[in-house]
Amino acid sequence: MWFWFIKEAVETCSRPISLTSQLCKVFETVVRVRVIEFLESNELIKNSQHGFRKSSSCLTNLLLFLDTVLDSVNVGYSVNVVFLDLA
């Protein structure tokens, strides 16, 4: 008879539980920073790479693309663009 009370409490009080310890998260951050520093210092990542680099987001990539397209149109070139959404 009291099962309905437990079921209701479990459904209303559920919250996500982190399975990764805080130490693992700190270690992951340190490794990520070191790997990115290594790749950038040895020029293994092109400057055109956006999304995960510092001060380079998907928005900056879009703005750079738009600037390139508009420059080509202003010069008189014909521009064709195909967008693919792979998500």
N, C-alpha and C. Protein backbone atom coordinates (compact mmCIF):
# COMPACT_ATOMS: atom_id res chain seq x y z
N MET A 1 0.81 -1.18 0.00
CA MET A 1 0.00 0.00 0.00
C MET A 1 0.86 1.26 0.00
N TRP A 2 1.99 1.25 0.62
CA TRP A 2 2.87 2.41 0.67
C TRP A 2 3.77 2.50 -0.56
N PHE A 3 3.65 1.55 -1.50
CA PHE A 3 4.49 1.57 -2.70
C PHE A 3 4.23 2.80 -3.57
N TRP A 4 2.99 3.23 -3.65
CA TRP A 4 2.67 4.39 -4.46
C TRP A 4 3.41 5.63 -3.96
N PHE A 5 3.60 5.76 -2.65
CA PHE A 5 4.30 6.90 -2.08
C PHE A 5 5.77 6.91 -2.50
N ILE A 6 6.41 5.74 -2.46
CA ILE A 6 7.83 5.64 -2.84
C ILE A 6 7.98 5.91 -4.33
N LYS A 7 7.11 5.36 -5.15
CA LYS A 7 7.19 5.57 -6.59
C LYS A 7 7.04 7.05 -6.92
N GLU A 8 6.10 7.72 -6.26
CA GLU A 8 5.88 9.15 -6.51
C GLU A 8 7.10 9.96 -6.06
N ALA A 9 7.69 9.63 -4.94
CA ALA A 9 8.85 10.35 -4.45
C ALA A 9 10.05 10.17 -5.36
N VAL A 10 10.23 8.97 -5.89
CA VAL A 10 11.35 8.71 -6.80
C VAL A 10 11.17 9.48 -8.09
N GLU A 11 9.99 9.56 -8.61
CA GLU A 11 9.74 10.26 -9.86
C GLU A 11 9.90 11.77 -9.73
N THR A 12 9.53 12.34 -8.60
CA THR A 12 9.59 13.79 -8.44
C THR A 12 10.93 14.29 -7.94
N CYS A 13 11.71 13.45 -7.28
CA CYS A 13 12.96 13.89 -6.69
C CYS A 13 14.18 13.40 -7.45
N SER A 14 14.00 12.94 -8.65
CA SER A 14 15.15 12.42 -9.39
C SER A 14 15.98 13.58 -9.93
N ARG A 15 17.28 13.41 -9.90
CA ARG A 15 18.21 14.40 -10.43
C ARG A 15 19.41 13.66 -10.99
N PRO A 16 20.11 14.27 -11.95
CA PRO A 16 21.27 13.58 -12.52
C PRO A 16 22.39 13.40 -11.50
N ILE A 17 23.05 12.29 -11.59
CA ILE A 17 24.16 11.98 -10.69
C ILE A 17 25.43 11.92 -11.52
N SER A 18 26.43 12.65 -11.12
CA SER A 18 27.71 12.64 -11.82
C SER A 18 28.47 11.37 -11.48
N LEU A 19 28.81 10.61 -12.50
CA LEU A 19 29.56 9.38 -12.27
C LEU A 19 31.07 9.60 -12.33
N THR A 20 31.47 10.79 -12.77
CA THR A 20 32.89 11.11 -12.87
C THR A 20 33.30 11.90 -11.64
N SER A 21 34.37 11.49 -11.01
CA SER A 21 34.82 12.20 -9.82
C SER A 21 35.42 13.55 -10.21
N GLN A 22 35.49 14.43 -9.25
CA GLN A 22 36.03 15.76 -9.50
C GLN A 22 37.50 15.70 -9.89
N LEU A 23 38.22 14.76 -9.32
CA LEU A 23 39.63 14.61 -9.66
C LEU A 23 39.80 14.24 -11.13
N CYS A 24 38.93 13.38 -11.63
CA CYS A 24 38.99 13.01 -13.05
C CYS A 24 38.69 14.20 -13.94
N LYS A 25 37.76 15.04 -13.53
CA LYS A 25 37.42 16.23 -14.32
C LYS A 25 38.60 17.21 -14.36
N VAL A 26 39.27 17.40 -13.24
CA VAL A 26 40.45 18.27 -13.21
C VAL A 26 41.55 17.70 -14.09
N PHE A 27 41.78 16.40 -13.99
CA PHE A 27 42.80 15.75 -14.81
C PHE A 27 42.46 15.89 -16.29
N GLU A 28 41.20 15.73 -16.65
CA GLU A 28 40.78 15.87 -18.04
C GLU A 28 41.05 17.28 -18.55
N THR A 29 40.79 18.28 -17.72
CA THR A 29 41.04 19.67 -18.12
C THR A 29 42.52 19.93 -18.31
N VAL A 30 43.35 19.42 -17.42
CA VAL A 30 44.81 19.61 -17.53
C VAL A 30 45.33 18.95 -18.81
N VAL A 31 44.88 17.74 -19.08
CA VAL A 31 45.34 17.03 -20.28
C VAL A 31 44.88 17.76 -21.53
N ARG A 32 43.64 18.23 -21.55
CA ARG A 32 43.12 18.95 -22.71
C ARG A 32 43.93 20.21 -22.99
N VAL A 33 44.23 20.98 -21.93
CA VAL A 33 45.00 22.21 -22.11
C VAL A 33 46.40 21.90 -22.64
N ARG A 34 47.04 20.88 -22.09
CA ARG A 34 48.39 20.52 -22.53
C ARG A 34 48.41 20.04 -23.98
N VAL A 35 47.43 19.25 -24.37
CA VAL A 35 47.37 18.75 -25.75
C VAL A 35 47.16 19.90 -26.71
N ILE A 36 46.26 20.82 -26.39
CA ILE A 36 46.01 21.96 -27.28
C ILE A 36 47.24 22.85 -27.36
N GLU A 37 47.93 23.08 -26.24
CA GLU A 37 49.17 23.87 -26.26
C GLU A 37 50.21 23.20 -27.17
N PHE A 38 50.35 21.88 -27.06
CA PHE A 38 51.31 21.16 -27.88
C PHE A 38 50.96 21.28 -29.37
N LEU A 39 49.70 21.08 -29.70
CA LEU A 39 49.28 21.14 -31.10
C LEU A 39 49.45 22.53 -31.68
N GLU A 40 49.14 23.56 -30.90
CA GLU A 40 49.28 24.93 -31.40
C GLU A 40 50.74 25.35 -31.49
N SER A 41 51.57 24.98 -30.52
CA SER A 41 52.97 25.39 -30.55
C SER A 41 53.74 24.71 -31.68
N ASN A 42 53.35 23.50 -32.06
CA ASN A 42 54.00 22.79 -33.16
C ASN A 42 53.28 22.97 -34.49
N GLU A 43 52.31 23.89 -34.51
CA GLU A 43 51.54 24.24 -35.70
C GLU A 43 50.93 23.01 -36.37
N LEU A 44 50.35 22.12 -35.57
CA LEU A 44 49.69 20.94 -36.10
C LEU A 44 48.20 21.17 -36.34
N ILE A 45 47.69 22.31 -35.86
CA ILE A 45 46.30 22.70 -36.10
C ILE A 45 46.32 23.95 -36.97
N LYS A 46 45.55 23.93 -38.03
CA LYS A 46 45.48 25.09 -38.92
C LYS A 46 44.74 26.23 -38.24
N ASN A 47 45.01 27.45 -38.66
CA ASN A 47 44.31 28.61 -38.11
C ASN A 47 42.84 28.63 -38.50
N SER A 48 42.49 27.88 -39.53
CA SER A 48 41.09 27.83 -39.96
C SER A 48 40.24 26.92 -39.10
N GLN A 49 40.86 26.21 -38.14
CA GLN A 49 40.11 25.32 -37.25
C GLN A 49 39.39 26.15 -36.19
N HIS A 50 38.09 25.98 -36.09
CA HIS A 50 37.28 26.73 -35.13
C HIS A 50 36.48 25.77 -34.28
N GLY A 51 35.83 26.29 -33.25
CA GLY A 51 34.89 25.51 -32.47
C GLY A 51 35.38 25.17 -31.08
N PHE A 52 36.61 24.72 -30.93
CA PHE A 52 37.09 24.33 -29.60
C PHE A 52 38.32 25.11 -29.18
N ARG A 53 38.84 25.95 -30.06
CA ARG A 53 40.03 26.72 -29.72
C ARG A 53 39.65 28.02 -29.01
N LYS A 54 40.57 28.54 -28.24
CA LYS A 54 40.33 29.77 -27.51
C LYS A 54 40.17 30.92 -28.51
N SER A 55 39.18 31.74 -28.29
CA SER A 55 38.82 32.89 -29.13
C SER A 55 38.49 32.50 -30.57
N SER A 56 38.09 31.27 -30.80
CA SER A 56 37.63 30.82 -32.10
C SER A 56 36.40 29.94 -31.89
N SER A 57 35.27 30.46 -32.26
CA SER A 57 34.04 29.69 -32.06
C SER A 57 33.41 29.41 -33.42
N CYS A 58 32.29 28.74 -33.39
CA CYS A 58 31.55 28.49 -34.63
C CYS A 58 31.09 29.80 -35.25
N LEU A 59 30.79 30.78 -34.41
CA LEU A 59 30.37 32.08 -34.90
C LEU A 59 31.51 32.78 -35.65
N THR A 60 32.73 32.73 -35.13
CA THR A 60 33.85 33.36 -35.83
C THR A 60 34.12 32.67 -37.16
N ASN A 61 33.91 31.36 -37.22
CA ASN A 61 34.06 30.63 -38.47
C ASN A 61 33.02 31.10 -39.48
N LEU A 62 31.79 31.27 -39.04
CA LEU A 62 30.72 31.73 -39.92
C LEU A 62 30.98 33.14 -40.42
N LEU A 63 31.46 34.01 -39.54
CA LEU A 63 31.77 35.38 -39.95
C LEU A 63 32.93 35.43 -40.94
N LEU A 64 33.93 34.60 -40.73
CA LEU A 64 35.05 34.53 -41.67
C LEU A 64 34.59 34.03 -43.03
N PHE A 65 33.73 33.02 -43.04
CA PHE A 65 33.17 32.50 -44.28
C PHE A 65 32.34 33.57 -44.99
N LEU A 66 31.49 34.28 -44.25
CA LEU A 66 30.67 35.33 -44.83
C LEU A 66 31.53 36.43 -45.43
N ASP A 67 32.59 36.82 -44.76
CA ASP A 67 33.50 37.84 -45.27
C ASP A 67 34.15 37.39 -46.57
N THR A 68 34.57 36.11 -46.64
CA THR A 68 35.19 35.58 -47.86
C THR A 68 34.19 35.56 -49.01
N VAL A 69 32.97 35.14 -48.73
CA VAL A 69 31.95 35.09 -49.79
C VAL A 69 31.63 36.49 -50.28
N LEU A 70 31.45 37.44 -49.39
CA LEU A 70 31.12 38.81 -49.79
C LEU A 70 32.27 39.46 -50.56
N ASP A 71 33.51 39.18 -50.19
CA ASP A 71 34.65 39.70 -50.95
C ASP A 71 34.65 39.13 -52.37
N SER A 72 34.34 37.85 -52.50
CA SER A 72 34.30 37.23 -53.83
C SER A 72 33.17 37.82 -54.68
N VAL A 73 32.02 38.06 -54.08
CA VAL A 73 30.89 38.65 -54.82
C VAL A 73 31.22 40.07 -55.23
N ASN A 74 31.86 40.83 -54.34
CA ASN A 74 32.22 42.22 -54.66
C ASN A 74 33.21 42.31 -55.81
N VAL A 75 34.10 41.33 -55.93
CA VAL A 75 35.07 41.31 -57.02
C VAL A 75 34.39 40.93 -58.34
N GLY A 76 33.29 40.18 -58.25
CA GLY A 76 32.56 39.79 -59.44
C GLY A 76 32.52 38.30 -59.69
N TYR A 77 33.03 37.53 -58.78
CA TYR A 77 33.00 36.08 -58.93
C TYR A 77 31.60 35.55 -58.63
N SER A 78 31.26 34.45 -59.27
CA SER A 78 30.03 33.75 -58.97
C SER A 78 30.30 32.79 -57.81
N VAL A 79 29.43 32.79 -56.83
CA VAL A 79 29.64 31.98 -55.64
C VAL A 79 28.47 31.02 -55.46
N ASN A 80 28.77 29.74 -55.34
CA ASN A 80 27.79 28.72 -55.03
C ASN A 80 28.13 28.12 -53.67
N VAL A 81 27.13 27.93 -52.84
CA VAL A 81 27.35 27.43 -51.49
C VAL A 81 26.40 26.28 -51.25
N VAL A 82 26.93 25.18 -50.67
CA VAL A 82 26.12 24.05 -50.27
C VAL A 82 26.32 23.83 -48.79
N PHE A 83 25.24 23.80 -48.03
CA PHE A 83 25.29 23.57 -46.59
C PHE A 83 24.77 22.18 -46.30
N LEU A 84 25.51 21.42 -45.52
CA LEU A 84 25.10 20.08 -45.10
C LEU A 84 24.97 20.05 -43.59
N ASP A 85 23.87 19.53 -43.10
CA ASP A 85 23.67 19.37 -41.67
C ASP A 85 23.78 17.89 -41.37
N LEU A 86 24.89 17.47 -40.78
CA LEU A 86 25.14 16.06 -40.53
C LEU A 86 24.72 15.63 -39.13
N ALA A 87 24.02 16.49 -38.44
CA ALA A 87 23.61 16.15 -37.07
C ALA A 87 22.42 15.24 -37.05
